Amino acid sequence: MNTLPRPPISEFEFVPSHYFRKLPVEEIRDGDRPLEIDLGSGDGSFLIDLSKQYPERDFLGVERLLGRCKKVAKRIARAKLENSRILRLDSKYVVEWLLPAASVSRIHLLCPDPWPKVRHHRRRLIQIPFLGAVKTALVPGGEFLFMTDHEEYFEYACEKIRDSALFEILPWTEESFFYPKTDFQQQWEAEGKSMHRIRCLKAADASPL
């Protein structure tokens, strides 16, 4: 991976100044404006809907596929959103290696690949080191929100979150706050599947792992 910046595909693509060290807070966040990260942005629907709803906040989508990033950047441009950008990179790498400490208000992980086979569980994004990196990146009072239609993965994730002792669990219902549906969620709910969700608050007395 090149350590030097490359030309962005769009003015709405965020290209880090460096790929092998933590980014300066001022590069990832505009002053004291709350920053939210959407891991695995897909077609960008969730990211764009949140950006429209909360113009006083900044949003960064993370997506590793170039084609999707191009489409999301075009959708952001068409919507004329100045508070939304897309980053083409792997979600795990971004959280564990790039995000500076205490820089993010919310991290969203919605409908990730469940890797259902037991021998593939190690590939799941939610692992103890990842959760430790999430906690470090969050500001005091920051939140990590996870949603999936895969019941076993949800139970697995809840166990990892409890074992980490890094978060307090908060209530999260449809009425808790505005929360748009992802393209995957709309598809799966149309097929009659249920969504499982957990809302995690950065514990005040937790230490990074």
N, C-alpha and C. Protein backbone atom coordinates (compact mmCIF):
# COMPACT_ATOMS: atom_id res chain seq x y z
N MET A 1 0.84 -1.19 0.00
CA MET A 1 0.00 0.00 0.00
C MET A 1 0.87 1.24 0.00
N ASN A 2 0.60 2.19 -0.86
CA ASN A 2 1.38 3.41 -0.95
C ASN A 2 1.20 4.26 0.29
N THR A 3 2.30 4.80 0.82
CA THR A 3 2.20 5.66 2.00
C THR A 3 1.85 7.09 1.61
N LEU A 4 1.93 7.42 0.33
CA LEU A 4 1.67 8.78 -0.12
C LEU A 4 0.21 8.94 -0.54
N PRO A 5 -0.35 10.14 -0.37
CA PRO A 5 -1.73 10.36 -0.82
C PRO A 5 -1.85 10.16 -2.31
N ARG A 6 -2.99 9.66 -2.74
CA ARG A 6 -3.27 9.53 -4.17
C ARG A 6 -4.41 10.47 -4.51
N PRO A 7 -4.60 10.78 -5.79
CA PRO A 7 -5.71 11.67 -6.16
C PRO A 7 -7.05 11.05 -5.78
N PRO A 8 -7.95 11.79 -5.15
CA PRO A 8 -9.26 11.24 -4.81
C PRO A 8 -10.11 11.01 -6.04
N ILE A 9 -11.03 10.07 -5.95
CA ILE A 9 -11.94 9.80 -7.06
C ILE A 9 -13.00 10.88 -7.16
N SER A 10 -13.15 11.66 -6.09
CA SER A 10 -14.16 12.71 -6.02
C SER A 10 -13.79 13.63 -4.87
N GLU A 11 -14.33 14.85 -4.88
CA GLU A 11 -14.11 15.75 -3.75
C GLU A 11 -14.74 15.21 -2.48
N PHE A 12 -15.61 14.21 -2.62
CA PHE A 12 -16.27 13.64 -1.45
C PHE A 12 -15.60 12.35 -0.99
N GLU A 13 -14.47 12.01 -1.58
CA GLU A 13 -13.69 10.89 -1.07
C GLU A 13 -12.64 11.41 -0.10
N PHE A 14 -12.54 10.78 1.05
CA PHE A 14 -11.51 11.11 2.02
C PHE A 14 -10.30 10.22 1.77
N VAL A 15 -9.17 10.83 1.45
CA VAL A 15 -7.91 10.11 1.24
C VAL A 15 -6.97 10.46 2.38
N PRO A 16 -6.62 9.51 3.24
CA PRO A 16 -5.73 9.80 4.37
C PRO A 16 -4.37 10.30 3.90
N SER A 17 -3.74 11.13 4.73
CA SER A 17 -2.40 11.63 4.42
C SER A 17 -1.36 10.54 4.55
N HIS A 18 -1.69 9.51 5.32
CA HIS A 18 -0.76 8.41 5.55
C HIS A 18 -1.58 7.17 5.90
N TYR A 19 -1.09 6.00 5.46
CA TYR A 19 -1.83 4.76 5.69
C TYR A 19 -1.22 3.89 6.78
N PHE A 20 -0.11 4.31 7.39
CA PHE A 20 0.58 3.44 8.33
C PHE A 20 0.82 4.07 9.69
N ARG A 21 -0.02 5.03 10.06
CA ARG A 21 0.04 5.60 11.40
C ARG A 21 -1.31 6.22 11.73
N LYS A 22 -1.55 6.46 13.01
CA LYS A 22 -2.78 7.10 13.42
C LYS A 22 -2.87 8.50 12.80
N LEU A 23 -4.04 8.84 12.35
CA LEU A 23 -4.23 10.14 11.72
C LEU A 23 -4.39 11.23 12.78
N PRO A 24 -3.96 12.44 12.49
CA PRO A 24 -4.21 13.56 13.40
C PRO A 24 -5.72 13.79 13.55
N VAL A 25 -6.15 14.16 14.73
CA VAL A 25 -7.57 14.39 14.96
C VAL A 25 -8.12 15.44 14.00
N GLU A 26 -7.34 16.49 13.75
CA GLU A 26 -7.83 17.57 12.88
C GLU A 26 -8.01 17.11 11.44
N GLU A 27 -7.38 16.00 11.05
CA GLU A 27 -7.56 15.50 9.69
C GLU A 27 -8.85 14.69 9.57
N ILE A 28 -9.22 13.99 10.61
CA ILE A 28 -10.38 13.11 10.56
C ILE A 28 -11.67 13.83 10.96
N ARG A 29 -11.52 14.96 11.70
CA ARG A 29 -12.70 15.63 12.25
C ARG A 29 -12.58 17.14 12.09
N ASP A 30 -13.68 17.81 11.77
CA ASP A 30 -13.71 19.25 11.58
C ASP A 30 -14.01 19.94 12.91
N GLY A 31 -12.97 20.39 13.57
CA GLY A 31 -13.14 21.07 14.85
C GLY A 31 -13.80 20.18 15.88
N ASP A 32 -14.83 20.71 16.53
CA ASP A 32 -15.56 19.96 17.56
C ASP A 32 -16.85 19.34 17.04
N ARG A 33 -17.07 19.37 15.74
CA ARG A 33 -18.28 18.77 15.19
C ARG A 33 -18.26 17.26 15.44
N PRO A 34 -19.37 16.69 15.92
CA PRO A 34 -19.42 15.24 16.13
C PRO A 34 -19.18 14.50 14.82
N LEU A 35 -18.38 13.44 14.88
CA LEU A 35 -18.09 12.62 13.71
C LEU A 35 -18.64 11.22 13.92
N GLU A 36 -19.37 10.70 12.92
CA GLU A 36 -19.87 9.34 12.98
C GLU A 36 -19.28 8.54 11.81
N ILE A 37 -18.94 7.28 12.09
CA ILE A 37 -18.33 6.40 11.10
C ILE A 37 -19.30 5.28 10.75
N ASP A 38 -19.52 5.08 9.46
CA ASP A 38 -20.37 3.99 8.96
C ASP A 38 -19.47 2.95 8.31
N LEU A 39 -19.29 1.81 8.98
CA LEU A 39 -18.41 0.76 8.49
C LEU A 39 -19.15 -0.14 7.50
N GLY A 40 -18.63 -0.25 6.29
CA GLY A 40 -19.28 -1.06 5.26
C GLY A 40 -20.50 -0.35 4.71
N SER A 41 -20.30 0.73 4.00
CA SER A 41 -21.40 1.62 3.62
C SER A 41 -22.31 1.09 2.52
N GLY A 42 -21.86 0.07 1.79
CA GLY A 42 -22.72 -0.50 0.75
C GLY A 42 -23.07 0.53 -0.31
N ASP A 43 -24.37 0.71 -0.57
CA ASP A 43 -24.79 1.68 -1.59
C ASP A 43 -24.86 3.10 -1.06
N GLY A 44 -24.57 3.30 0.23
CA GLY A 44 -24.54 4.64 0.80
C GLY A 44 -25.85 5.18 1.30
N SER A 45 -26.92 4.40 1.21
CA SER A 45 -28.25 4.89 1.61
C SER A 45 -28.28 5.33 3.07
N PHE A 46 -27.77 4.48 3.95
CA PHE A 46 -27.76 4.79 5.38
C PHE A 46 -26.93 6.04 5.65
N LEU A 47 -25.74 6.10 5.08
CA LEU A 47 -24.84 7.24 5.27
C LEU A 47 -25.50 8.54 4.82
N ILE A 48 -26.11 8.52 3.66
CA ILE A 48 -26.70 9.74 3.10
C ILE A 48 -27.93 10.16 3.89
N ASP A 49 -28.75 9.21 4.29
CA ASP A 49 -29.94 9.56 5.08
C ASP A 49 -29.56 10.18 6.42
N LEU A 50 -28.54 9.64 7.07
CA LEU A 50 -28.08 10.23 8.33
C LEU A 50 -27.51 11.63 8.11
N SER A 51 -26.74 11.79 7.03
CA SER A 51 -26.14 13.09 6.74
C SER A 51 -27.20 14.17 6.51
N LYS A 52 -28.28 13.79 5.84
CA LYS A 52 -29.38 14.73 5.61
C LYS A 52 -30.09 15.08 6.91
N GLN A 53 -30.29 14.09 7.76
CA GLN A 53 -31.03 14.28 9.00
C GLN A 53 -30.27 15.13 10.01
N TYR A 54 -28.92 15.01 10.01
CA TYR A 54 -28.11 15.69 11.02
C TYR A 54 -27.03 16.55 10.35
N PRO A 55 -27.41 17.70 9.79
CA PRO A 55 -26.42 18.55 9.11
C PRO A 55 -25.37 19.12 10.05
N GLU A 56 -25.64 19.09 11.36
CA GLU A 56 -24.68 19.62 12.33
C GLU A 56 -23.60 18.60 12.69
N ARG A 57 -23.71 17.37 12.16
CA ARG A 57 -22.72 16.33 12.39
C ARG A 57 -21.99 16.01 11.09
N ASP A 58 -20.80 15.42 11.23
CA ASP A 58 -20.05 14.95 10.07
C ASP A 58 -20.09 13.43 10.01
N PHE A 59 -20.08 12.89 8.78
CA PHE A 59 -20.19 11.45 8.57
C PHE A 59 -19.12 10.96 7.61
N LEU A 60 -18.52 9.82 7.96
CA LEU A 60 -17.52 9.19 7.11
C LEU A 60 -17.91 7.74 6.89
N GLY A 61 -18.17 7.40 5.63
CA GLY A 61 -18.45 6.02 5.29
C GLY A 61 -17.16 5.30 4.93
N VAL A 62 -17.09 4.02 5.26
CA VAL A 62 -15.92 3.21 4.95
C VAL A 62 -16.38 2.04 4.08
N GLU A 63 -15.78 1.89 2.92
CA GLU A 63 -16.16 0.84 1.99
C GLU A 63 -14.92 0.44 1.19
N ARG A 64 -14.65 -0.86 1.09
CA ARG A 64 -13.41 -1.30 0.45
C ARG A 64 -13.53 -1.45 -1.07
N LEU A 65 -14.74 -1.55 -1.62
CA LEU A 65 -14.91 -1.78 -3.04
C LEU A 65 -14.95 -0.46 -3.81
N LEU A 66 -14.10 -0.34 -4.83
CA LEU A 66 -13.98 0.90 -5.60
C LEU A 66 -15.29 1.29 -6.26
N GLY A 67 -15.97 0.33 -6.88
CA GLY A 67 -17.22 0.63 -7.56
C GLY A 67 -18.25 1.23 -6.63
N ARG A 68 -18.37 0.67 -5.45
CA ARG A 68 -19.33 1.20 -4.47
C ARG A 68 -18.92 2.59 -4.01
N CYS A 69 -17.63 2.80 -3.78
CA CYS A 69 -17.17 4.13 -3.35
C CYS A 69 -17.49 5.19 -4.39
N LYS A 70 -17.30 4.86 -5.65
CA LYS A 70 -17.61 5.81 -6.72
C LYS A 70 -19.10 6.15 -6.73
N LYS A 71 -19.94 5.14 -6.56
CA LYS A 71 -21.37 5.37 -6.55
C LYS A 71 -21.80 6.21 -5.35
N VAL A 72 -21.22 5.90 -4.18
CA VAL A 72 -21.57 6.67 -2.97
C VAL A 72 -21.13 8.12 -3.13
N ALA A 73 -19.93 8.34 -3.65
CA ALA A 73 -19.44 9.70 -3.85
C ALA A 73 -20.36 10.48 -4.80
N LYS A 74 -20.84 9.83 -5.84
CA LYS A 74 -21.76 10.48 -6.78
C LYS A 74 -23.08 10.82 -6.10
N ARG A 75 -23.56 9.91 -5.25
CA ARG A 75 -24.83 10.16 -4.55
C ARG A 75 -24.68 11.31 -3.56
N ILE A 76 -23.53 11.37 -2.88
CA ILE A 76 -23.28 12.48 -1.97
C ILE A 76 -23.27 13.80 -2.73
N ALA A 77 -22.60 13.80 -3.89
CA ALA A 77 -22.52 15.01 -4.72
C ALA A 77 -23.91 15.45 -5.18
N ARG A 78 -24.72 14.48 -5.64
CA ARG A 78 -26.06 14.82 -6.13
C ARG A 78 -26.92 15.40 -5.01
N ALA A 79 -26.71 14.88 -3.80
CA ALA A 79 -27.49 15.37 -2.65
C ALA A 79 -26.93 16.68 -2.09
N LYS A 80 -25.77 17.10 -2.59
CA LYS A 80 -25.13 18.35 -2.16
C LYS A 80 -24.89 18.36 -0.65
N LEU A 81 -24.34 17.26 -0.17
CA LEU A 81 -24.05 17.12 1.25
C LEU A 81 -22.61 17.51 1.54
N GLU A 82 -22.43 18.52 2.35
CA GLU A 82 -21.09 18.97 2.69
C GLU A 82 -20.55 18.29 3.95
N ASN A 83 -21.38 17.48 4.59
CA ASN A 83 -20.97 16.85 5.85
C ASN A 83 -20.75 15.35 5.71
N SER A 84 -20.55 14.87 4.49
CA SER A 84 -20.44 13.43 4.26
C SER A 84 -19.30 13.13 3.30
N ARG A 85 -18.52 12.08 3.64
CA ARG A 85 -17.41 11.65 2.78
C ARG A 85 -17.34 10.12 2.80
N ILE A 86 -16.62 9.57 1.83
CA ILE A 86 -16.44 8.12 1.76
C ILE A 86 -14.95 7.81 1.74
N LEU A 87 -14.55 6.76 2.43
CA LEU A 87 -13.16 6.32 2.51
C LEU A 87 -13.07 4.91 1.95
N ARG A 88 -12.22 4.72 0.95
CA ARG A 88 -12.05 3.41 0.36
C ARG A 88 -10.94 2.65 1.10
N LEU A 89 -11.35 1.77 2.01
CA LEU A 89 -10.39 1.00 2.80
C LEU A 89 -11.13 -0.07 3.57
N ASP A 90 -10.41 -1.02 4.10
CA ASP A 90 -10.98 -2.08 4.90
C ASP A 90 -11.40 -1.55 6.27
N SER A 91 -12.59 -1.93 6.73
CA SER A 91 -13.13 -1.40 7.99
C SER A 91 -12.25 -1.74 9.18
N LYS A 92 -11.81 -2.98 9.26
CA LYS A 92 -10.97 -3.40 10.38
C LYS A 92 -9.68 -2.58 10.44
N TYR A 93 -9.08 -2.36 9.29
CA TYR A 93 -7.83 -1.60 9.25
C TYR A 93 -8.05 -0.16 9.69
N VAL A 94 -9.14 0.43 9.23
CA VAL A 94 -9.44 1.82 9.60
C VAL A 94 -9.57 1.96 11.11
N VAL A 95 -10.36 1.09 11.72
CA VAL A 95 -10.62 1.20 13.16
C VAL A 95 -9.37 0.90 13.98
N GLU A 96 -8.65 -0.14 13.61
CA GLU A 96 -7.52 -0.58 14.44
C GLU A 96 -6.24 0.21 14.20
N TRP A 97 -6.11 0.83 13.01
CA TRP A 97 -4.82 1.44 12.69
C TRP A 97 -4.86 2.91 12.30
N LEU A 98 -5.99 3.44 11.90
CA LEU A 98 -6.01 4.82 11.42
C LEU A 98 -6.74 5.80 12.33
N LEU A 99 -7.85 5.40 12.93
CA LEU A 99 -8.64 6.34 13.70
C LEU A 99 -7.88 6.81 14.94
N PRO A 100 -7.77 8.12 15.12
CA PRO A 100 -7.10 8.62 16.33
C PRO A 100 -7.97 8.43 17.57
N ALA A 101 -7.34 8.46 18.71
CA ALA A 101 -8.05 8.27 19.97
C ALA A 101 -9.03 9.42 20.22
N ALA A 102 -10.18 9.06 20.79
CA ALA A 102 -11.19 10.04 21.20
C ALA A 102 -11.55 11.01 20.07
N SER A 103 -11.85 10.46 18.90
CA SER A 103 -12.15 11.30 17.73
C SER A 103 -13.55 11.09 17.17
N VAL A 104 -14.23 10.02 17.56
CA VAL A 104 -15.49 9.62 16.91
C VAL A 104 -16.62 9.55 17.94
N SER A 105 -17.77 10.10 17.57
CA SER A 105 -18.92 10.08 18.48
C SER A 105 -19.70 8.77 18.39
N ARG A 106 -19.84 8.26 17.17
CA ARG A 106 -20.54 6.99 16.98
C ARG A 106 -19.87 6.18 15.88
N ILE A 107 -19.81 4.87 16.10
CA ILE A 107 -19.35 3.94 15.08
C ILE A 107 -20.48 2.97 14.80
N HIS A 108 -20.91 2.88 13.54
CA HIS A 108 -22.01 2.02 13.13
C HIS A 108 -21.46 0.81 12.37
N LEU A 109 -21.88 -0.37 12.78
CA LEU A 109 -21.54 -1.60 12.06
C LEU A 109 -22.85 -2.34 11.80
N LEU A 110 -23.33 -2.25 10.58
CA LEU A 110 -24.66 -2.76 10.26
C LEU A 110 -24.59 -3.85 9.19
N CYS A 111 -25.15 -4.99 9.51
CA CYS A 111 -25.28 -6.09 8.56
C CYS A 111 -23.96 -6.52 7.92
N PRO A 112 -22.92 -6.75 8.74
CA PRO A 112 -21.65 -7.22 8.16
C PRO A 112 -21.74 -8.70 7.79
N ASP A 113 -20.76 -9.18 7.05
CA ASP A 113 -20.69 -10.59 6.70
C ASP A 113 -20.63 -11.42 7.98
N PRO A 114 -21.57 -12.36 8.19
CA PRO A 114 -21.60 -13.13 9.44
C PRO A 114 -20.59 -14.27 9.48
N TRP A 115 -20.00 -14.62 8.34
CA TRP A 115 -19.08 -15.77 8.30
C TRP A 115 -19.65 -16.91 9.13
N PRO A 116 -20.72 -17.54 8.69
CA PRO A 116 -21.47 -18.49 9.52
C PRO A 116 -20.74 -19.79 9.88
N LYS A 117 -19.82 -20.23 9.04
CA LYS A 117 -19.13 -21.49 9.35
C LYS A 117 -18.16 -21.30 10.52
N VAL A 118 -18.14 -22.26 11.43
CA VAL A 118 -17.33 -22.14 12.64
C VAL A 118 -15.87 -21.89 12.31
N ARG A 119 -15.36 -22.55 11.29
CA ARG A 119 -13.95 -22.38 10.96
C ARG A 119 -13.63 -20.98 10.42
N HIS A 120 -14.68 -20.22 10.09
CA HIS A 120 -14.49 -18.87 9.58
C HIS A 120 -14.78 -17.80 10.63
N HIS A 121 -15.14 -18.18 11.85
CA HIS A 121 -15.50 -17.19 12.87
C HIS A 121 -14.37 -16.20 13.14
N ARG A 122 -13.12 -16.64 12.96
CA ARG A 122 -11.99 -15.74 13.21
C ARG A 122 -11.97 -14.58 12.22
N ARG A 123 -12.71 -14.70 11.11
CA ARG A 123 -12.78 -13.63 10.12
C ARG A 123 -13.82 -12.58 10.47
N ARG A 124 -14.66 -12.87 11.44
CA ARG A 124 -15.68 -11.90 11.83
C ARG A 124 -15.03 -10.63 12.36
N LEU A 125 -15.65 -9.51 12.04
CA LEU A 125 -15.08 -8.24 12.43
C LEU A 125 -15.08 -8.05 13.94
N ILE A 126 -16.13 -8.48 14.59
CA ILE A 126 -16.21 -8.30 16.04
C ILE A 126 -15.35 -9.33 16.75
N GLN A 127 -14.20 -8.87 17.21
CA GLN A 127 -13.27 -9.63 18.02
C GLN A 127 -12.81 -8.69 19.15
N ILE A 128 -12.21 -9.23 20.19
CA ILE A 128 -11.79 -8.41 21.33
C ILE A 128 -10.83 -7.28 20.91
N PRO A 129 -9.80 -7.53 20.11
CA PRO A 129 -8.92 -6.42 19.70
C PRO A 129 -9.66 -5.32 18.93
N PHE A 130 -10.60 -5.71 18.07
CA PHE A 130 -11.38 -4.73 17.33
C PHE A 130 -12.21 -3.88 18.29
N LEU A 131 -12.85 -4.52 19.26
CA LEU A 131 -13.66 -3.78 20.23
C LEU A 131 -12.80 -2.82 21.05
N GLY A 132 -11.59 -3.24 21.38
CA GLY A 132 -10.68 -2.35 22.09
C GLY A 132 -10.34 -1.13 21.26
N ALA A 133 -10.15 -1.33 19.95
CA ALA A 133 -9.85 -0.20 19.06
C ALA A 133 -11.06 0.71 18.91
N VAL A 134 -12.27 0.14 18.88
CA VAL A 134 -13.49 0.93 18.83
C VAL A 134 -13.58 1.82 20.06
N LYS A 135 -13.36 1.23 21.21
CA LYS A 135 -13.42 1.98 22.46
C LYS A 135 -12.42 3.13 22.47
N THR A 136 -11.20 2.87 22.01
CA THR A 136 -10.17 3.90 21.98
C THR A 136 -10.55 5.05 21.05
N ALA A 137 -11.15 4.74 19.90
CA ALA A 137 -11.50 5.77 18.92
C ALA A 137 -12.67 6.64 19.37
N LEU A 138 -13.53 6.11 20.23
CA LEU A 138 -14.71 6.85 20.66
C LEU A 138 -14.37 7.96 21.65
N VAL A 139 -15.10 9.04 21.55
CA VAL A 139 -15.00 10.11 22.55
C VAL A 139 -15.67 9.64 23.84
N PRO A 140 -15.41 10.28 24.99
CA PRO A 140 -16.17 9.95 26.20
C PRO A 140 -17.66 10.08 25.93
N GLY A 141 -18.41 9.05 26.27
CA GLY A 141 -19.84 9.04 25.98
C GLY A 141 -20.17 8.60 24.58
N GLY A 142 -19.16 8.19 23.81
CA GLY A 142 -19.38 7.72 22.45
C GLY A 142 -20.06 6.36 22.41
N GLU A 143 -20.63 6.03 21.26
CA GLU A 143 -21.42 4.80 21.14
C GLU A 143 -20.97 3.94 19.96
N PHE A 144 -21.11 2.64 20.16
CA PHE A 144 -20.90 1.65 19.10
C PHE A 144 -22.23 0.95 18.88
N LEU A 145 -22.74 0.98 17.64
CA LEU A 145 -24.04 0.37 17.33
C LEU A 145 -23.85 -0.74 16.32
N PHE A 146 -24.36 -1.93 16.67
CA PHE A 146 -24.19 -3.12 15.84
C PHE A 146 -25.56 -3.71 15.54
N MET A 147 -25.78 -4.09 14.26
CA MET A 147 -27.04 -4.69 13.86
C MET A 147 -26.78 -5.81 12.86
N THR A 148 -27.55 -6.90 12.97
CA THR A 148 -27.42 -8.01 12.05
C THR A 148 -28.74 -8.78 12.00
N ASP A 149 -28.96 -9.49 10.90
CA ASP A 149 -30.12 -10.37 10.81
C ASP A 149 -29.74 -11.79 11.22
N HIS A 150 -28.43 -12.03 11.46
CA HIS A 150 -27.92 -13.37 11.74
C HIS A 150 -27.91 -13.58 13.26
N GLU A 151 -28.84 -14.39 13.76
CA GLU A 151 -29.03 -14.53 15.20
C GLU A 151 -27.79 -15.08 15.89
N GLU A 152 -27.15 -16.08 15.30
CA GLU A 152 -25.97 -16.67 15.94
C GLU A 152 -24.83 -15.67 16.02
N TYR A 153 -24.65 -14.88 14.95
CA TYR A 153 -23.60 -13.86 14.98
C TYR A 153 -23.91 -12.81 16.04
N PHE A 154 -25.19 -12.46 16.17
CA PHE A 154 -25.59 -11.49 17.19
C PHE A 154 -25.24 -12.01 18.59
N GLU A 155 -25.56 -13.26 18.86
CA GLU A 155 -25.24 -13.84 20.17
C GLU A 155 -23.74 -13.88 20.39
N TYR A 156 -23.01 -14.24 19.34
CA TYR A 156 -21.55 -14.26 19.40
C TYR A 156 -21.00 -12.86 19.72
N ALA A 157 -21.53 -11.85 19.02
CA ALA A 157 -21.08 -10.47 19.22
C ALA A 157 -21.40 -9.99 20.63
N CYS A 158 -22.58 -10.29 21.12
CA CYS A 158 -22.95 -9.88 22.48
C CYS A 158 -22.02 -10.50 23.52
N GLU A 159 -21.66 -11.74 23.31
CA GLU A 159 -20.73 -12.41 24.22
C GLU A 159 -19.37 -11.73 24.21
N LYS A 160 -18.88 -11.39 23.01
CA LYS A 160 -17.59 -10.71 22.90
C LYS A 160 -17.64 -9.34 23.58
N ILE A 161 -18.75 -8.63 23.38
CA ILE A 161 -18.90 -7.30 23.97
C ILE A 161 -18.93 -7.39 25.49
N ARG A 162 -19.67 -8.37 26.03
CA ARG A 162 -19.70 -8.54 27.48
C ARG A 162 -18.33 -8.93 28.02
N ASP A 163 -17.66 -9.84 27.33
CA ASP A 163 -16.34 -10.28 27.79
C ASP A 163 -15.32 -9.15 27.77
N SER A 164 -15.47 -8.21 26.86
CA SER A 164 -14.50 -7.12 26.75
C SER A 164 -14.58 -6.16 27.94
N ALA A 165 -15.75 -6.04 28.55
CA ALA A 165 -15.99 -5.12 29.67
C ALA A 165 -15.65 -3.67 29.31
N LEU A 166 -15.75 -3.34 28.03
CA LEU A 166 -15.40 -2.00 27.58
C LEU A 166 -16.61 -1.10 27.39
N PHE A 167 -17.81 -1.68 27.46
CA PHE A 167 -19.01 -0.93 27.13
C PHE A 167 -20.12 -1.20 28.12
N GLU A 168 -21.02 -0.22 28.23
CA GLU A 168 -22.29 -0.39 28.92
C GLU A 168 -23.37 -0.53 27.84
N ILE A 169 -24.34 -1.37 28.07
CA ILE A 169 -25.40 -1.61 27.08
C ILE A 169 -26.56 -0.65 27.33
N LEU A 170 -26.99 0.05 26.29
CA LEU A 170 -28.09 1.00 26.38
C LEU A 170 -29.32 0.45 25.68
N PRO A 171 -30.51 0.89 26.08
CA PRO A 171 -31.73 0.49 25.36
C PRO A 171 -31.69 1.00 23.92
N TRP A 172 -32.24 0.21 23.01
CA TRP A 172 -32.29 0.63 21.60
C TRP A 172 -33.51 0.01 20.95
N THR A 173 -34.53 0.84 20.76
CA THR A 173 -35.75 0.42 20.09
C THR A 173 -35.94 1.26 18.83
N GLU A 174 -36.94 0.96 18.06
CA GLU A 174 -37.24 1.72 16.85
C GLU A 174 -37.52 3.19 17.18
N GLU A 175 -38.00 3.45 18.40
CA GLU A 175 -38.38 4.80 18.80
C GLU A 175 -37.25 5.56 19.50
N SER A 176 -36.11 4.94 19.70
CA SER A 176 -35.04 5.58 20.47
C SER A 176 -34.54 6.85 19.80
N PHE A 177 -34.33 6.82 18.48
CA PHE A 177 -33.86 7.97 17.72
C PHE A 177 -33.99 7.64 16.23
N PHE A 178 -33.83 8.65 15.41
CA PHE A 178 -33.90 8.43 13.97
C PHE A 178 -32.76 7.51 13.54
N TYR A 179 -33.12 6.44 12.82
CA TYR A 179 -32.10 5.50 12.37
C TYR A 179 -32.56 4.89 11.04
N PRO A 180 -32.03 5.36 9.93
CA PRO A 180 -32.48 4.86 8.63
C PRO A 180 -32.08 3.42 8.40
N LYS A 181 -32.75 2.77 7.48
CA LYS A 181 -32.47 1.37 7.18
C LYS A 181 -31.46 1.26 6.05
N THR A 182 -30.54 0.29 6.18
CA THR A 182 -29.59 0.04 5.11
C THR A 182 -30.28 -0.70 3.98
N ASP A 183 -29.60 -0.79 2.83
CA ASP A 183 -30.15 -1.53 1.71
C ASP A 183 -30.31 -3.01 2.05
N PHE A 184 -29.34 -3.56 2.81
CA PHE A 184 -29.43 -4.96 3.22
C PHE A 184 -30.61 -5.18 4.17
N GLN A 185 -30.80 -4.25 5.11
CA GLN A 185 -31.89 -4.39 6.06
C GLN A 185 -33.23 -4.38 5.36
N GLN A 186 -33.41 -3.48 4.41
CA GLN A 186 -34.67 -3.42 3.68
C GLN A 186 -34.92 -4.71 2.91
N GLN A 187 -33.87 -5.25 2.31
CA GLN A 187 -33.99 -6.49 1.56
C GLN A 187 -34.37 -7.65 2.47
N TRP A 188 -33.67 -7.75 3.60
CA TRP A 188 -33.90 -8.89 4.49
C TRP A 188 -35.24 -8.80 5.21
N GLU A 189 -35.65 -7.60 5.58
CA GLU A 189 -36.96 -7.46 6.21
C GLU A 189 -38.07 -7.78 5.23
N ALA A 190 -37.85 -7.48 3.95
CA ALA A 190 -38.83 -7.83 2.92
C ALA A 190 -38.95 -9.34 2.79
N GLU A 191 -37.90 -10.06 3.17
CA GLU A 191 -37.91 -11.52 3.14
C GLU A 191 -38.42 -12.11 4.45
N GLY A 192 -38.83 -11.25 5.38
CA GLY A 192 -39.39 -11.72 6.64
C GLY A 192 -38.37 -11.97 7.73
N LYS A 193 -37.14 -11.54 7.53
CA LYS A 193 -36.11 -11.76 8.54
C LYS A 193 -36.17 -10.67 9.60
N SER A 194 -35.76 -11.03 10.83
CA SER A 194 -35.73 -10.08 11.93
C SER A 194 -34.33 -9.51 12.11
N MET A 195 -34.27 -8.27 12.56
CA MET A 195 -32.99 -7.63 12.82
C MET A 195 -32.69 -7.66 14.32
N HIS A 196 -31.44 -7.93 14.65
CA HIS A 196 -30.99 -7.94 16.04
C HIS A 196 -30.02 -6.78 16.22
N ARG A 197 -30.16 -6.06 17.31
CA ARG A 197 -29.36 -4.84 17.48
C ARG A 197 -28.86 -4.70 18.91
N ILE A 198 -27.71 -4.06 19.04
CA ILE A 198 -27.16 -3.76 20.35
C ILE A 198 -26.48 -2.39 20.30
N ARG A 199 -26.73 -1.59 21.31
CA ARG A 199 -26.21 -0.23 21.41
C ARG A 199 -25.27 -0.16 22.60
N CYS A 200 -24.02 0.19 22.35
CA CYS A 200 -22.98 0.11 23.38
C CYS A 200 -22.41 1.50 23.67
N LEU A 201 -22.38 1.86 24.93
CA LEU A 201 -21.81 3.12 25.39
C LEU A 201 -20.40 2.88 25.91
N LYS A 202 -19.46 3.69 25.47
CA LYS A 202 -18.08 3.59 25.97
C LYS A 202 -18.07 3.72 27.48
N ALA A 203 -17.61 2.68 28.14
CA ALA A 203 -17.59 2.70 29.61
C ALA A 203 -16.55 3.68 30.12
N ALA A 204 -16.96 4.48 31.11
CA ALA A 204 -16.07 5.54 31.61
C ALA A 204 -14.80 5.01 32.24
N ASP A 205 -14.90 3.83 32.88
CA ASP A 205 -13.74 3.28 33.59
C ASP A 205 -13.03 2.20 32.80
N ALA A 206 -13.38 2.05 31.50
CA ALA A 206 -12.75 1.01 30.70
C ALA A 206 -11.38 1.45 30.22
N SER A 207 -10.48 0.52 30.09
CA SER A 207 -9.13 0.78 29.59
C SER A 207 -8.96 0.09 28.25
N PRO A 208 -8.18 0.71 27.33
CA PRO A 208 -7.94 0.07 26.04
C PRO A 208 -7.27 -1.28 26.21
N LEU A 209 -7.60 -2.23 25.34
CA LEU A 209 -6.96 -3.54 25.39
C LEU A 209 -5.66 -3.51 24.60
